[in-house]
Amino acid sequence: MSDSTGPIAEETVRAPAPELRGAVDRLVGYRLAGHEPGLHAGLPSPSITFIVSFDERLTLSVLPDGRARTVQH
């Protein structure tokens, strides 16, 4: 969904609570609306990305083991 000004892309980055800093590097929140579905290919990293959607379900087209199958979470 988007408003009359077009697509929305917002992001914020915060440090985790002191109790989490040994295990959590940073917290990143973002909101995208009004964009066509696309492909995200993350770069190799020693970190794990944990995604929580507060709106619509997250759709995966390729599973982590490489199988091509669309699933929603």
Protein backbone atom coordinates (compact mmCIF):
# COMPACT_ATOMS: atom_id res chain seq x y z
CA MET A 1 0.00 0.00 0.00
CA SER A 2 1.20 3.52 -0.64
CA ASP A 3 -0.19 6.97 -0.29
CA SER A 4 -0.60 9.59 -3.01
CA THR A 5 3.11 10.50 -2.82
CA GLY A 6 4.22 7.10 -4.14
CA PRO A 7 6.19 4.18 -2.70
CA ILE A 8 7.44 4.34 0.89
CA ALA A 9 10.88 3.23 2.09
CA GLU A 10 11.80 3.99 5.71
CA GLU A 11 14.61 2.61 7.88
CA THR A 12 15.94 3.07 11.40
CA VAL A 13 18.98 1.54 13.12
CA ARG A 14 19.46 1.29 16.87
CA ALA A 15 21.89 -0.29 19.31
CA PRO A 16 20.45 -3.21 21.29
CA ALA A 17 19.76 -3.04 25.02
CA PRO A 18 22.94 -3.43 27.11
CA GLU A 19 21.87 -6.94 28.16
CA LEU A 20 21.81 -8.09 24.51
CA ARG A 21 24.98 -6.45 23.21
CA GLY A 22 27.09 -9.60 23.48
CA ALA A 23 24.70 -11.50 21.21
CA VAL A 24 22.95 -8.82 19.12
CA ASP A 25 24.99 -6.47 16.92
CA ARG A 26 22.24 -3.99 15.99
CA LEU A 27 18.50 -3.64 15.49
CA VAL A 28 17.25 -2.51 12.10
CA GLY A 29 13.63 -1.64 11.44
CA TYR A 30 12.26 -0.83 8.05
CA ARG A 31 8.97 -0.31 6.26
CA LEU A 32 8.39 -0.73 2.54
CA ALA A 33 5.02 -0.04 0.95
CA GLY A 34 3.84 0.47 -2.60
CA HIS A 35 6.69 -1.54 -4.20
CA GLU A 36 6.38 -4.54 -6.48
CA PRO A 37 7.56 -7.84 -4.96
CA GLY A 38 11.25 -8.37 -5.60
CA LEU A 39 14.22 -10.57 -4.84
CA HIS A 40 16.53 -9.98 -1.91
CA ALA A 41 19.85 -11.80 -2.04
CA GLY A 42 21.78 -11.12 1.15
CA LEU A 43 25.55 -10.96 1.01
CA PRO A 44 27.66 -13.53 2.88
CA SER A 45 27.98 -12.50 6.52
CA PRO A 46 28.92 -13.96 9.89
CA SER A 47 25.59 -12.64 11.20
CA ILE A 48 22.06 -14.06 11.15
CA THR A 49 19.15 -11.93 10.01
CA PHE A 50 15.93 -12.40 12.00
CA ILE A 51 12.84 -10.94 10.33
CA VAL A 52 9.55 -10.18 12.08
CA SER A 53 6.62 -8.89 10.05
CA PHE A 54 3.97 -6.88 11.87
CA ASP A 55 1.80 -6.55 8.75
CA GLU A 56 1.48 -9.05 5.91
CA ARG A 57 2.99 -12.52 5.82
CA LEU A 58 6.55 -12.94 4.54
CA THR A 59 6.77 -14.91 1.27
CA LEU A 60 9.88 -16.97 0.50
CA SER A 61 10.41 -18.18 -3.07
CA VAL A 62 13.66 -20.07 -2.49
CA LEU A 63 14.17 -21.92 0.76
CA PRO A 64 17.51 -21.79 2.63
CA ASP A 65 18.42 -25.28 1.36
CA GLY A 66 18.10 -24.02 -2.25
CA ARG A 67 14.78 -25.63 -3.12
CA ALA A 68 12.56 -23.38 -5.23
CA ARG A 69 9.14 -23.34 -3.57
CA THR A 70 6.89 -20.51 -2.48
CA VAL A 71 5.95 -20.59 1.21
CA GLN A 72 4.45 -17.96 3.48
CA HIS A 73 5.34 -17.36 7.12
